[in-house]
Amino acid sequence: MLLFTAACSEVPSVTRGPGTPSTIDPARRAEAVQDAKALRARGRRVWCVPFARTASGIDIRGNARTWWAQAAERFDRGHTPKVGAVMTFRATHTLPLGHVAVVSKVISPREILVDQANWHRNRVSLGMAVIDVSDKNDWSRVRVESTPDQFGSVYPVMGFIWSPGVPVKAPTIMASASDAKPADKTADRAGAEIARAAEVTRNAHAGGEYQVASR
């Protein structure tokens, strides 16, 4: 059974129409989820940093609160969400180590979906909605859909670290499911498995864990 969660926490309901498949790399996403499952099976803790590193391909080490500074000389950074980019949360009283999440879909200029680990303690959350509540629409302050259709506290964000494979100047283009070309059949099967697992109802709860359905 897939894990779904994190160590950071929660904002108004938003209305959405039918979603389209994520364009995040299915092989990387599958590997990140499988690594988390393996850790859980061994009784180990699931953290946001290893998950984000594997899912995005952005090879940065250390606590999440250090990623923004570490990326300065190695990756392009900015305040525009792009699929595959890593959103970096500032350290706060409730997030003393900061937090990182991978953008899995851009829904609108003020709403995205992210894949992340340990937002709900020791779990993985796929397709979790995040909305920009900053005054200047610069993604410096966000709210996270910690439970289906429920958003909570405002969290400060430093910005987005763009993956080497993500265009810096060109706008992100949302590909359709038919455009996706997994590197091999194994990645294709893994991506399909995750897609099926994420297609759950908004109110799915089991043993304190929940999945956020793909939109």
N, C-alpha and C. Protein backbone atom coordinates (compact mmCIF):
# COMPACT_ATOMS: atom_id res chain seq x y z
N MET A 1 0.85 -1.19 0.00
CA MET A 1 0.00 0.00 0.00
C MET A 1 0.89 1.24 0.00
N LEU A 2 0.60 2.20 -0.87
CA LEU A 2 1.42 3.39 -0.95
C LEU A 2 1.27 4.21 0.33
N LEU A 3 2.32 4.97 0.64
CA LEU A 3 2.32 5.81 1.81
C LEU A 3 1.91 7.21 1.40
N PHE A 4 1.24 7.89 2.29
CA PHE A 4 0.93 9.26 1.91
C PHE A 4 1.01 10.18 3.12
N THR A 5 1.91 11.40 3.14
CA THR A 5 2.09 12.26 4.32
C THR A 5 2.89 13.54 4.36
N ALA A 6 3.78 13.93 5.85
CA ALA A 6 4.83 14.94 6.04
C ALA A 6 5.03 15.58 7.39
N ALA A 7 6.04 16.37 7.55
CA ALA A 7 6.36 16.95 8.85
C ALA A 7 6.09 18.43 8.91
N CYS A 8 5.59 18.99 7.99
CA CYS A 8 5.34 20.41 7.94
C CYS A 8 3.81 20.56 8.06
N SER A 9 2.86 21.42 7.87
CA SER A 9 1.39 21.29 8.03
C SER A 9 0.46 22.16 7.25
N GLU A 10 -0.61 22.82 7.30
CA GLU A 10 -1.82 23.04 6.52
C GLU A 10 -2.21 24.30 5.83
N VAL A 11 -5.29 25.38 4.34
CA VAL A 11 -5.67 26.76 4.03
C VAL A 11 -7.06 26.95 3.35
N PRO A 12 -8.28 28.13 2.46
CA PRO A 12 -9.64 27.96 2.01
C PRO A 12 -9.77 26.94 0.92
N SER A 13 -10.90 26.34 0.77
CA SER A 13 -11.13 25.37 -0.29
C SER A 13 -11.01 26.03 -1.65
N VAL A 14 -10.58 25.25 -2.63
CA VAL A 14 -10.49 25.76 -3.99
C VAL A 14 -11.32 24.84 -4.88
N THR A 15 -11.84 25.41 -5.94
CA THR A 15 -12.66 24.62 -6.85
C THR A 15 -11.85 24.31 -8.10
N ARG A 16 -11.85 23.08 -8.53
CA ARG A 16 -11.11 22.70 -9.72
C ARG A 16 -11.95 21.85 -10.65
N GLY A 17 -11.64 21.94 -11.91
CA GLY A 17 -12.28 21.08 -12.88
C GLY A 17 -11.47 19.81 -13.01
N PRO A 18 -11.80 18.96 -13.98
CA PRO A 18 -11.07 17.71 -14.18
C PRO A 18 -9.59 18.00 -14.41
N GLY A 19 -8.75 17.23 -13.80
CA GLY A 19 -7.31 17.45 -13.95
C GLY A 19 -6.74 16.68 -15.12
N THR A 20 -5.52 16.99 -15.46
CA THR A 20 -4.80 16.26 -16.50
C THR A 20 -3.62 15.56 -15.85
N PRO A 21 -3.09 14.51 -16.45
CA PRO A 21 -1.99 13.78 -15.83
C PRO A 21 -0.77 14.68 -15.58
N SER A 22 -0.06 14.39 -14.53
CA SER A 22 1.15 15.13 -14.22
C SER A 22 2.21 14.87 -15.28
N THR A 23 3.08 15.86 -15.50
CA THR A 23 4.17 15.68 -16.45
C THR A 23 5.49 15.41 -15.74
N ILE A 24 5.44 15.24 -14.43
CA ILE A 24 6.66 14.94 -13.70
C ILE A 24 7.21 13.60 -14.19
N ASP A 25 8.52 13.45 -14.18
CA ASP A 25 9.17 12.24 -14.68
C ASP A 25 8.62 11.02 -13.93
N PRO A 26 7.92 10.11 -14.63
CA PRO A 26 7.30 8.96 -13.93
C PRO A 26 8.32 8.01 -13.33
N ALA A 27 9.48 7.88 -13.96
CA ALA A 27 10.49 6.96 -13.43
C ALA A 27 11.07 7.49 -12.13
N ARG A 28 11.38 8.80 -12.09
CA ARG A 28 11.91 9.38 -10.87
C ARG A 28 10.87 9.33 -9.75
N ARG A 29 9.63 9.64 -10.11
CA ARG A 29 8.56 9.64 -9.11
C ARG A 29 8.40 8.23 -8.53
N ALA A 30 8.41 7.23 -9.41
CA ALA A 30 8.26 5.85 -8.95
C ALA A 30 9.41 5.44 -8.05
N GLU A 31 10.62 5.84 -8.41
CA GLU A 31 11.78 5.50 -7.59
C GLU A 31 11.70 6.14 -6.21
N ALA A 32 11.27 7.41 -6.17
CA ALA A 32 11.16 8.11 -4.89
C ALA A 32 10.13 7.44 -3.99
N VAL A 33 9.00 7.03 -4.58
CA VAL A 33 7.96 6.36 -3.80
C VAL A 33 8.44 4.99 -3.32
N GLN A 34 9.10 4.26 -4.20
CA GLN A 34 9.59 2.93 -3.81
C GLN A 34 10.64 3.02 -2.71
N ASP A 35 11.51 4.02 -2.79
CA ASP A 35 12.51 4.21 -1.73
C ASP A 35 11.83 4.48 -0.39
N ALA A 36 10.77 5.30 -0.42
CA ALA A 36 10.04 5.59 0.81
C ALA A 36 9.37 4.35 1.37
N LYS A 37 8.79 3.55 0.48
CA LYS A 37 8.15 2.30 0.91
C LYS A 37 9.17 1.36 1.54
N ALA A 38 10.35 1.30 0.95
CA ALA A 38 11.40 0.42 1.48
C ALA A 38 11.84 0.88 2.87
N LEU A 39 11.97 2.19 3.05
CA LEU A 39 12.35 2.72 4.36
C LEU A 39 11.29 2.39 5.40
N ARG A 40 10.04 2.59 5.03
CA ARG A 40 8.96 2.28 5.97
C ARG A 40 8.95 0.80 6.33
N ALA A 41 9.20 -0.05 5.35
CA ALA A 41 9.20 -1.50 5.59
C ALA A 41 10.30 -1.89 6.58
N ARG A 42 11.38 -1.12 6.60
CA ARG A 42 12.49 -1.41 7.52
C ARG A 42 12.36 -0.64 8.83
N GLY A 43 11.23 0.05 8.99
CA GLY A 43 11.02 0.80 10.22
C GLY A 43 11.81 2.08 10.28
N ARG A 44 12.25 2.58 9.12
CA ARG A 44 13.05 3.81 9.06
C ARG A 44 12.17 5.02 8.80
N ARG A 45 12.68 6.19 9.10
CA ARG A 45 11.96 7.44 8.91
C ARG A 45 12.02 7.89 7.44
N VAL A 46 10.92 8.42 6.95
CA VAL A 46 10.84 8.97 5.60
C VAL A 46 10.95 10.48 5.70
N TRP A 47 11.94 11.06 5.01
CA TRP A 47 12.17 12.50 5.09
C TRP A 47 11.91 13.17 3.75
N CYS A 48 11.69 14.49 3.80
CA CYS A 48 11.37 15.23 2.58
C CYS A 48 12.57 15.36 1.65
N VAL A 49 13.78 15.50 2.18
CA VAL A 49 14.95 15.78 1.36
C VAL A 49 15.30 14.63 0.40
N PRO A 50 15.48 13.39 0.88
CA PRO A 50 15.80 12.31 -0.07
C PRO A 50 14.70 12.11 -1.12
N PHE A 51 13.44 12.26 -0.70
CA PHE A 51 12.34 12.11 -1.64
C PHE A 51 12.42 13.17 -2.73
N ALA A 52 12.61 14.44 -2.35
CA ALA A 52 12.68 15.52 -3.33
C ALA A 52 13.89 15.37 -4.24
N ARG A 53 14.99 14.94 -3.68
CA ARG A 53 16.21 14.77 -4.48
C ARG A 53 16.01 13.72 -5.56
N THR A 54 15.41 12.60 -5.18
CA THR A 54 15.19 11.52 -6.15
C THR A 54 14.12 11.90 -7.17
N ALA A 55 13.01 12.47 -6.71
CA ALA A 55 11.90 12.79 -7.60
C ALA A 55 12.23 13.90 -8.59
N SER A 56 13.10 14.82 -8.20
CA SER A 56 13.42 15.97 -9.06
C SER A 56 14.71 15.82 -9.85
N GLY A 57 15.64 15.01 -9.32
CA GLY A 57 16.94 14.91 -9.95
C GLY A 57 17.87 16.04 -9.55
N ILE A 58 17.43 16.89 -8.63
CA ILE A 58 18.26 18.00 -8.14
C ILE A 58 19.09 17.48 -6.97
N ASP A 59 20.37 17.28 -7.20
CA ASP A 59 21.23 16.61 -6.23
C ASP A 59 21.81 17.60 -5.23
N ILE A 60 21.02 17.90 -4.21
CA ILE A 60 21.46 18.75 -3.11
C ILE A 60 21.31 17.95 -1.82
N ARG A 61 22.26 18.08 -0.93
CA ARG A 61 22.24 17.36 0.34
C ARG A 61 22.02 18.34 1.48
N GLY A 62 21.78 17.80 2.65
CA GLY A 62 21.64 18.66 3.82
C GLY A 62 20.20 19.01 4.12
N ASN A 63 19.98 19.67 5.25
CA ASN A 63 18.63 20.04 5.66
C ASN A 63 17.93 20.90 4.61
N ALA A 64 16.62 20.75 4.54
CA ALA A 64 15.83 21.48 3.54
C ALA A 64 16.04 22.99 3.62
N ARG A 65 16.25 23.52 4.81
CA ARG A 65 16.39 24.96 4.98
C ARG A 65 17.66 25.49 4.31
N THR A 66 18.60 24.60 3.96
CA THR A 66 19.85 25.03 3.32
C THR A 66 19.81 24.92 1.80
N TRP A 67 18.77 24.33 1.24
CA TRP A 67 18.74 24.07 -0.20
C TRP A 67 18.79 25.34 -1.04
N TRP A 68 18.04 26.35 -0.65
CA TRP A 68 17.97 27.57 -1.45
C TRP A 68 19.36 28.19 -1.61
N ALA A 69 20.08 28.30 -0.51
CA ALA A 69 21.43 28.88 -0.57
C ALA A 69 22.38 27.97 -1.33
N GLN A 70 22.28 26.67 -1.11
CA GLN A 70 23.17 25.74 -1.80
C GLN A 70 22.97 25.77 -3.31
N ALA A 71 21.74 26.02 -3.73
CA ALA A 71 21.42 25.99 -5.16
C ALA A 71 21.92 27.22 -5.90
N ALA A 72 22.32 28.27 -5.18
CA ALA A 72 22.66 29.56 -5.79
C ALA A 72 23.69 29.44 -6.91
N GLU A 73 24.72 28.66 -6.71
CA GLU A 73 25.79 28.56 -7.70
C GLU A 73 25.67 27.33 -8.61
N ARG A 74 24.64 26.54 -8.39
CA ARG A 74 24.58 25.27 -9.12
C ARG A 74 23.34 25.10 -9.98
N PHE A 75 22.24 25.74 -9.59
CA PHE A 75 20.98 25.57 -10.31
C PHE A 75 20.32 26.94 -10.52
N ASP A 76 19.45 27.00 -11.51
CA ASP A 76 18.66 28.21 -11.70
C ASP A 76 17.56 28.24 -10.64
N ARG A 77 17.28 29.42 -10.12
CA ARG A 77 16.26 29.59 -9.10
C ARG A 77 15.31 30.70 -9.50
N GLY A 78 14.13 30.69 -8.94
CA GLY A 78 13.20 31.76 -9.24
C GLY A 78 11.95 31.66 -8.41
N HIS A 79 10.94 32.45 -8.77
CA HIS A 79 9.71 32.49 -8.00
C HIS A 79 8.51 32.10 -8.85
N THR A 80 8.80 31.33 -9.90
CA THR A 80 7.74 30.82 -10.77
C THR A 80 7.74 29.30 -10.69
N PRO A 81 6.63 28.68 -10.34
CA PRO A 81 6.59 27.21 -10.26
C PRO A 81 6.63 26.58 -11.64
N LYS A 82 7.43 25.54 -11.77
CA LYS A 82 7.51 24.78 -13.01
C LYS A 82 7.51 23.30 -12.64
N VAL A 83 6.91 22.48 -13.46
CA VAL A 83 6.86 21.05 -13.17
C VAL A 83 8.29 20.50 -13.04
N GLY A 84 8.54 19.76 -11.98
CA GLY A 84 9.86 19.20 -11.73
C GLY A 84 10.73 20.06 -10.85
N ALA A 85 10.32 21.30 -10.59
CA ALA A 85 11.10 22.19 -9.72
C ALA A 85 10.87 21.83 -8.25
N VAL A 86 11.80 22.22 -7.42
CA VAL A 86 11.68 21.98 -5.98
C VAL A 86 11.28 23.27 -5.28
N MET A 87 10.14 23.24 -4.60
CA MET A 87 9.69 24.38 -3.79
C MET A 87 10.39 24.29 -2.43
N THR A 88 11.05 25.38 -2.04
CA THR A 88 11.80 25.38 -0.79
C THR A 88 11.10 26.25 0.26
N PHE A 89 10.72 25.65 1.35
CA PHE A 89 10.05 26.35 2.44
C PHE A 89 11.09 26.89 3.43
N ARG A 90 10.83 28.08 3.92
CA ARG A 90 11.72 28.65 4.94
C ARG A 90 11.57 27.89 6.26
N ALA A 91 12.61 27.93 7.06
CA ALA A 91 12.54 27.35 8.39
C ALA A 91 11.65 28.24 9.26
N THR A 92 10.79 27.62 10.03
CA THR A 92 9.90 28.33 10.95
C THR A 92 9.87 27.57 12.27
N HIS A 93 9.08 28.07 13.20
CA HIS A 93 8.94 27.39 14.49
C HIS A 93 8.39 25.98 14.29
N THR A 94 7.42 25.85 13.38
CA THR A 94 6.84 24.53 13.13
C THR A 94 7.63 23.72 12.11
N LEU A 95 8.48 24.39 11.33
CA LEU A 95 9.34 23.70 10.35
C LEU A 95 10.78 24.11 10.61
N PRO A 96 11.36 23.70 11.72
CA PRO A 96 12.71 24.16 12.07
C PRO A 96 13.79 23.76 11.07
N LEU A 97 13.57 22.67 10.33
CA LEU A 97 14.55 22.23 9.33
C LEU A 97 14.16 22.66 7.92
N GLY A 98 13.09 23.44 7.81
CA GLY A 98 12.58 23.81 6.50
C GLY A 98 11.84 22.64 5.88
N HIS A 99 11.54 22.74 4.60
CA HIS A 99 10.84 21.65 3.90
C HIS A 99 11.04 21.84 2.41
N VAL A 100 11.06 20.74 1.67
CA VAL A 100 11.14 20.80 0.21
C VAL A 100 10.08 19.87 -0.39
N ALA A 101 9.50 20.31 -1.51
CA ALA A 101 8.48 19.54 -2.21
C ALA A 101 8.69 19.72 -3.70
N VAL A 102 8.28 18.73 -4.48
CA VAL A 102 8.49 18.77 -5.93
C VAL A 102 7.18 19.14 -6.63
N VAL A 103 7.24 20.12 -7.51
CA VAL A 103 6.06 20.55 -8.26
C VAL A 103 5.70 19.46 -9.28
N SER A 104 4.51 18.90 -9.15
CA SER A 104 4.09 17.85 -10.07
C SER A 104 3.11 18.34 -11.12
N LYS A 105 2.51 19.52 -10.89
CA LYS A 105 1.59 20.07 -11.88
C LYS A 105 1.34 21.55 -11.58
N VAL A 106 1.24 22.36 -12.63
CA VAL A 106 0.87 23.76 -12.49
C VAL A 106 -0.57 23.90 -12.95
N ILE A 107 -1.46 24.23 -12.02
CA ILE A 107 -2.88 24.33 -12.35
C ILE A 107 -3.24 25.73 -12.82
N SER A 108 -2.69 26.74 -12.15
CA SER A 108 -2.97 28.13 -12.50
C SER A 108 -1.82 28.97 -11.94
N PRO A 109 -1.81 30.28 -12.22
CA PRO A 109 -0.74 31.12 -11.66
C PRO A 109 -0.68 31.12 -10.15
N ARG A 110 -1.76 30.66 -9.49
CA ARG A 110 -1.76 30.69 -8.04
C ARG A 110 -2.08 29.34 -7.40
N GLU A 111 -2.02 28.27 -8.18
CA GLU A 111 -2.24 26.95 -7.61
C GLU A 111 -1.41 25.91 -8.32
N ILE A 112 -0.78 25.05 -7.54
CA ILE A 112 0.01 23.96 -8.07
C ILE A 112 -0.29 22.69 -7.28
N LEU A 113 0.19 21.57 -7.79
CA LEU A 113 0.19 20.32 -7.05
C LEU A 113 1.64 19.94 -6.79
N VAL A 114 1.88 19.34 -5.63
CA VAL A 114 3.24 18.91 -5.31
C VAL A 114 3.24 17.47 -4.84
N ASP A 115 4.39 16.84 -5.04
CA ASP A 115 4.67 15.53 -4.46
C ASP A 115 5.68 15.77 -3.35
N GLN A 116 5.48 15.17 -2.18
CA GLN A 116 6.39 15.43 -1.07
C GLN A 116 6.35 14.31 -0.05
N ALA A 117 7.33 14.31 0.79
CA ALA A 117 7.40 13.33 1.88
C ALA A 117 7.50 14.05 3.21
N ASN A 118 6.94 13.44 4.22
CA ASN A 118 7.03 13.90 5.60
C ASN A 118 6.34 15.23 5.87
N TRP A 119 5.37 15.60 5.04
CA TRP A 119 4.50 16.73 5.41
C TRP A 119 3.56 16.23 6.50
N HIS A 120 3.04 15.04 6.26
CA HIS A 120 2.41 14.28 7.33
C HIS A 120 3.47 13.28 7.75
N ARG A 121 3.74 13.23 8.99
CA ARG A 121 4.90 12.52 9.51
C ARG A 121 5.10 11.13 8.90
N ASN A 122 6.30 10.96 8.33
CA ASN A 122 6.75 9.66 7.86
C ASN A 122 5.94 9.10 6.69
N ARG A 123 5.28 9.95 5.92
CA ARG A 123 4.49 9.48 4.80
C ARG A 123 4.80 10.26 3.53
N VAL A 124 4.28 9.77 2.41
CA VAL A 124 4.43 10.43 1.12
C VAL A 124 3.07 10.95 0.68
N SER A 125 3.05 12.16 0.14
CA SER A 125 1.82 12.76 -0.37
C SER A 125 2.01 13.07 -1.85
N LEU A 126 1.16 12.55 -2.69
CA LEU A 126 1.23 12.82 -4.13
C LEU A 126 0.06 13.70 -4.55
N GLY A 127 0.33 14.68 -5.40
CA GLY A 127 -0.72 15.53 -5.92
C GLY A 127 -1.38 16.38 -4.85
N MET A 128 -0.62 16.90 -3.89
CA MET A 128 -1.18 17.74 -2.84
C MET A 128 -1.23 19.19 -3.31
N ALA A 129 -2.37 19.84 -3.18
CA ALA A 129 -2.54 21.20 -3.67
C ALA A 129 -1.85 22.22 -2.78
N VAL A 130 -1.26 23.23 -3.43
CA VAL A 130 -0.64 24.35 -2.73
C VAL A 130 -1.12 25.62 -3.43
N ILE A 131 -1.56 26.62 -2.66
CA ILE A 131 -2.01 27.86 -3.27
C ILE A 131 -1.14 29.03 -2.80
N ASP A 132 -0.92 29.96 -3.71
CA ASP A 132 -0.14 31.15 -3.42
C ASP A 132 -1.05 32.19 -2.77
N VAL A 133 -0.72 32.63 -1.58
CA VAL A 133 -1.53 33.64 -0.89
C VAL A 133 -0.73 34.91 -0.65
N SER A 134 0.38 35.07 -1.38
CA SER A 134 1.21 36.27 -1.22
C SER A 134 0.53 37.47 -1.85
N ASP A 135 0.83 38.66 -1.34
CA ASP A 135 0.23 39.88 -1.86
C ASP A 135 0.65 40.18 -3.30
N LYS A 136 1.89 39.82 -3.64
CA LYS A 136 2.42 40.14 -4.97
C LYS A 136 2.39 38.96 -5.94
N ASN A 137 1.73 37.88 -5.55
CA ASN A 137 1.69 36.68 -6.40
C ASN A 137 3.10 36.23 -6.77
N ASP A 138 3.98 36.21 -5.76
CA ASP A 138 5.36 35.79 -6.00
C ASP A 138 5.69 34.48 -5.30
N TRP A 139 4.68 33.78 -4.82
CA TRP A 139 4.84 32.48 -4.16
C TRP A 139 5.74 32.56 -2.92
N SER A 140 5.74 33.69 -2.26
CA SER A 140 6.53 33.82 -1.04
C SER A 140 5.76 33.36 0.20
N ARG A 141 4.43 33.23 0.07
CA ARG A 141 3.58 32.75 1.15
C ARG A 141 2.54 31.80 0.56
N VAL A 142 2.44 30.61 1.15
CA VAL A 142 1.54 29.60 0.58
C VAL A 142 0.74 28.90 1.67
N ARG A 143 -0.31 28.24 1.23
CA ARG A 143 -1.08 27.36 2.09
C ARG A 143 -1.15 25.99 1.42
N VAL A 144 -1.15 24.96 2.23
CA VAL A 144 -1.05 23.60 1.72
C VAL A 144 -2.29 22.80 2.07
N GLU A 145 -2.77 21.99 1.12
CA GLU A 145 -3.95 21.15 1.33
C GLU A 145 -3.55 19.92 2.14
N SER A 146 -3.48 20.10 3.45
CA SER A 146 -3.00 19.02 4.30
C SER A 146 -3.99 17.87 4.42
N THR A 147 -5.27 18.15 4.28
CA THR A 147 -6.29 17.12 4.17
C THR A 147 -7.17 17.54 2.99
N PRO A 148 -7.83 16.60 2.33
CA PRO A 148 -8.60 16.94 1.13
C PRO A 148 -9.54 18.13 1.34
N ASP A 149 -9.37 19.14 0.48
CA ASP A 149 -10.19 20.36 0.49
C ASP A 149 -10.06 21.18 1.76
N GLN A 150 -9.03 20.94 2.55
CA GLN A 150 -8.81 21.71 3.77
C GLN A 150 -7.40 22.31 3.73
N PHE A 151 -7.33 23.64 3.76
CA PHE A 151 -6.05 24.33 3.77
C PHE A 151 -5.86 24.96 5.15
N GLY A 152 -4.60 25.00 5.58
CA GLY A 152 -4.35 25.50 6.93
C GLY A 152 -3.46 26.71 6.99
N SER A 153 -2.43 26.64 7.80
CA SER A 153 -1.57 27.79 8.09
C SER A 153 -0.83 28.30 6.86
N VAL A 154 -0.39 29.55 6.96
CA VAL A 154 0.41 30.16 5.90
C VAL A 154 1.88 29.85 6.17
N TYR A 155 2.59 29.40 5.14
CA TYR A 155 4.01 29.08 5.27
C TYR A 155 4.83 29.96 4.35
N PRO A 156 5.97 30.47 4.83
CA PRO A 156 6.85 31.27 3.98
C PRO A 156 7.69 30.38 3.07
N VAL A 157 7.85 30.80 1.84
CA VAL A 157 8.62 30.03 0.85
C VAL A 157 9.74 30.91 0.29
N MET A 158 10.91 30.32 0.10
CA MET A 158 12.04 31.06 -0.47
C MET A 158 11.94 31.13 -1.99
N GLY A 159 11.45 30.07 -2.59
CA GLY A 159 11.33 30.07 -4.04
C GLY A 159 11.42 28.66 -4.60
N PHE A 160 11.69 28.59 -5.91
CA PHE A 160 11.74 27.31 -6.61
C PHE A 160 13.13 27.09 -7.19
N ILE A 161 13.64 25.90 -6.99
CA ILE A 161 14.91 25.50 -7.61
C ILE A 161 14.53 24.70 -8.84
N TRP A 162 14.94 25.20 -10.00
CA TRP A 162 14.52 24.55 -11.23
C TRP A 162 15.47 23.43 -11.61
N SER A 163 14.89 22.32 -11.98
CA SER A 163 15.66 21.16 -12.42
C SER A 163 16.42 21.51 -13.70
N PRO A 164 17.60 20.90 -13.91
CA PRO A 164 18.36 21.15 -15.14
C PRO A 164 17.54 20.88 -16.40
N GLY A 165 16.54 20.01 -16.28
CA GLY A 165 15.72 19.67 -17.44
C GLY A 165 14.54 20.60 -17.64
N VAL A 166 14.37 21.57 -16.73
CA VAL A 166 13.23 22.49 -16.81
C VAL A 166 13.67 23.79 -17.47
N PRO A 167 13.00 24.23 -18.54
CA PRO A 167 13.38 25.49 -19.18
C PRO A 167 13.29 26.64 -18.19
N VAL A 168 14.27 27.55 -18.24
CA VAL A 168 14.30 28.66 -17.30
C VAL A 168 13.42 29.80 -17.79
N LYS A 169 13.49 30.12 -19.09
CA LYS A 169 12.76 31.26 -19.61
C LYS A 169 11.45 30.87 -20.28
N ALA A 170 11.45 29.72 -20.92
CA ALA A 170 10.25 29.31 -21.63
C ALA A 170 9.18 28.90 -20.64
N PRO A 171 7.90 29.19 -20.92
CA PRO A 171 6.82 28.78 -20.01
C PRO A 171 6.68 27.28 -19.98
N THR A 172 6.25 26.76 -18.83
CA THR A 172 6.04 25.33 -18.71
C THR A 172 4.83 24.92 -19.54
N ILE A 173 4.99 23.88 -20.34
CA ILE A 173 3.91 23.38 -21.18
C ILE A 173 3.40 22.08 -20.59
N MET A 174 2.12 22.03 -20.29
CA MET A 174 1.55 20.84 -19.71
C MET A 174 1.30 19.82 -20.81
N ALA A 175 1.98 18.71 -20.75
CA ALA A 175 1.82 17.67 -21.75
C ALA A 175 0.63 16.80 -21.43
N SER A 176 0.07 16.22 -22.44
CA SER A 176 -1.04 15.29 -22.24
C SER A 176 -0.47 13.92 -21.95
N ALA A 177 -1.34 13.02 -21.49
CA ALA A 177 -0.88 11.67 -21.18
C ALA A 177 -0.28 11.00 -22.41
N SER A 178 -0.82 11.29 -23.59
CA SER A 178 -0.34 10.65 -24.81
C SER A 178 1.04 11.15 -25.20
N ASP A 179 1.45 12.34 -24.65
CA ASP A 179 2.76 12.89 -24.98
C ASP A 179 3.88 12.28 -24.15
N ALA A 180 3.52 11.68 -23.02
CA ALA A 180 4.53 11.13 -22.14
C ALA A 180 5.24 9.97 -22.80
N LYS A 181 6.59 9.95 -22.67
CA LYS A 181 7.38 8.89 -23.27
C LYS A 181 8.34 8.35 -22.24
N PRO A 182 7.91 7.42 -21.39
CA PRO A 182 8.79 6.85 -20.38
C PRO A 182 10.02 6.25 -21.03
N ALA A 183 11.11 6.27 -20.28
CA ALA A 183 12.37 5.80 -20.84
C ALA A 183 12.33 4.32 -21.20
N ASP A 184 11.57 3.53 -20.45
CA ASP A 184 11.49 2.12 -20.77
C ASP A 184 10.19 1.56 -20.22
N LYS A 185 9.95 0.27 -20.48
CA LYS A 185 8.70 -0.34 -20.07
C LYS A 185 8.59 -0.42 -18.55
N THR A 186 9.73 -0.59 -17.88
CA THR A 186 9.70 -0.66 -16.42
C THR A 186 9.21 0.65 -15.84
N ALA A 187 9.75 1.76 -16.35
CA ALA A 187 9.31 3.07 -15.88
C ALA A 187 7.85 3.30 -16.21
N ASP A 188 7.43 2.80 -17.38
CA ASP A 188 6.04 2.95 -17.79
C ASP A 188 5.12 2.23 -16.82
N ARG A 189 5.49 1.00 -16.46
CA ARG A 189 4.67 0.23 -15.52
C ARG A 189 4.64 0.91 -14.17
N ALA A 190 5.82 1.42 -13.71
CA ALA A 190 5.89 2.06 -12.41
C ALA A 190 5.03 3.32 -12.39
N GLY A 191 5.08 4.08 -13.49
CA GLY A 191 4.26 5.29 -13.55
C GLY A 191 2.79 4.96 -13.53
N ALA A 192 2.41 3.88 -14.23
CA ALA A 192 1.01 3.48 -14.26
C ALA A 192 0.55 3.04 -12.87
N GLU A 193 1.44 2.38 -12.14
CA GLU A 193 1.10 1.92 -10.79
C GLU A 193 0.81 3.10 -9.88
N ILE A 194 1.66 4.13 -9.97
CA ILE A 194 1.46 5.31 -9.14
C ILE A 194 0.19 6.04 -9.52
N ALA A 195 -0.06 6.14 -10.83
CA ALA A 195 -1.26 6.82 -11.29
C ALA A 195 -2.50 6.13 -10.75
N ARG A 196 -2.51 4.79 -10.77
CA ARG A 196 -3.67 4.06 -10.26
C ARG A 196 -3.81 4.29 -8.76
N ALA A 197 -2.67 4.28 -8.06
CA ALA A 197 -2.71 4.44 -6.60
C ALA A 197 -3.21 5.82 -6.20
N ALA A 198 -2.91 6.82 -7.04
CA ALA A 198 -3.30 8.19 -6.70
C ALA A 198 -4.77 8.48 -7.02
N GLU A 199 -5.42 7.61 -7.80
CA GLU A 199 -6.82 7.84 -8.17
C GLU A 199 -7.73 7.33 -7.05
N VAL A 200 -7.78 8.08 -6.00
CA VAL A 200 -8.60 7.71 -4.85
C VAL A 200 -9.57 8.83 -4.57
N THR A 201 -10.57 8.56 -3.77
CA THR A 201 -11.54 9.61 -3.45
C THR A 201 -10.93 10.61 -2.50
N ARG A 202 -11.47 11.82 -2.49
CA ARG A 202 -10.94 12.89 -1.66
C ARG A 202 -11.03 12.54 -0.19
N ASN A 203 -12.01 11.73 0.18
CA ASN A 203 -12.23 11.43 1.59
C ASN A 203 -11.62 10.11 2.04
N ALA A 204 -10.67 9.60 1.24
CA ALA A 204 -10.07 8.31 1.58
C ALA A 204 -9.20 8.46 2.81
N HIS A 205 -9.53 7.75 3.86
CA HIS A 205 -8.74 7.75 5.09
C HIS A 205 -8.58 6.30 5.54
N ALA A 206 -7.38 5.98 6.02
CA ALA A 206 -7.15 4.64 6.53
C ALA A 206 -6.00 4.68 7.52
N GLY A 207 -6.28 4.35 8.74
CA GLY A 207 -5.25 4.31 9.76
C GLY A 207 -4.52 5.62 9.93
N GLY A 208 -5.20 6.74 9.72
CA GLY A 208 -4.56 8.04 9.89
C GLY A 208 -3.81 8.50 8.67
N GLU A 209 -3.73 7.69 7.62
CA GLU A 209 -3.04 8.08 6.41
C GLU A 209 -4.07 8.39 5.34
N TYR A 210 -3.73 9.31 4.47
CA TYR A 210 -4.65 9.58 3.39
C TYR A 210 -3.88 9.89 2.11
N GLN A 211 -4.56 9.67 1.00
CA GLN A 211 -3.99 9.98 -0.30
C GLN A 211 -4.75 11.17 -0.88
N VAL A 212 -4.02 12.03 -1.58
CA VAL A 212 -4.66 13.12 -2.28
C VAL A 212 -4.80 12.70 -3.72
N ALA A 213 -6.01 12.68 -4.22
CA ALA A 213 -6.26 12.18 -5.56
C ALA A 213 -5.63 13.07 -6.62
N SER A 214 -5.23 12.46 -7.73
CA SER A 214 -4.72 13.22 -8.86
C SER A 214 -5.82 14.11 -9.39
N ARG A 215 -5.45 15.29 -9.85
CA ARG A 215 -6.45 16.23 -10.36
C ARG A 215 -6.13 16.59 -11.79
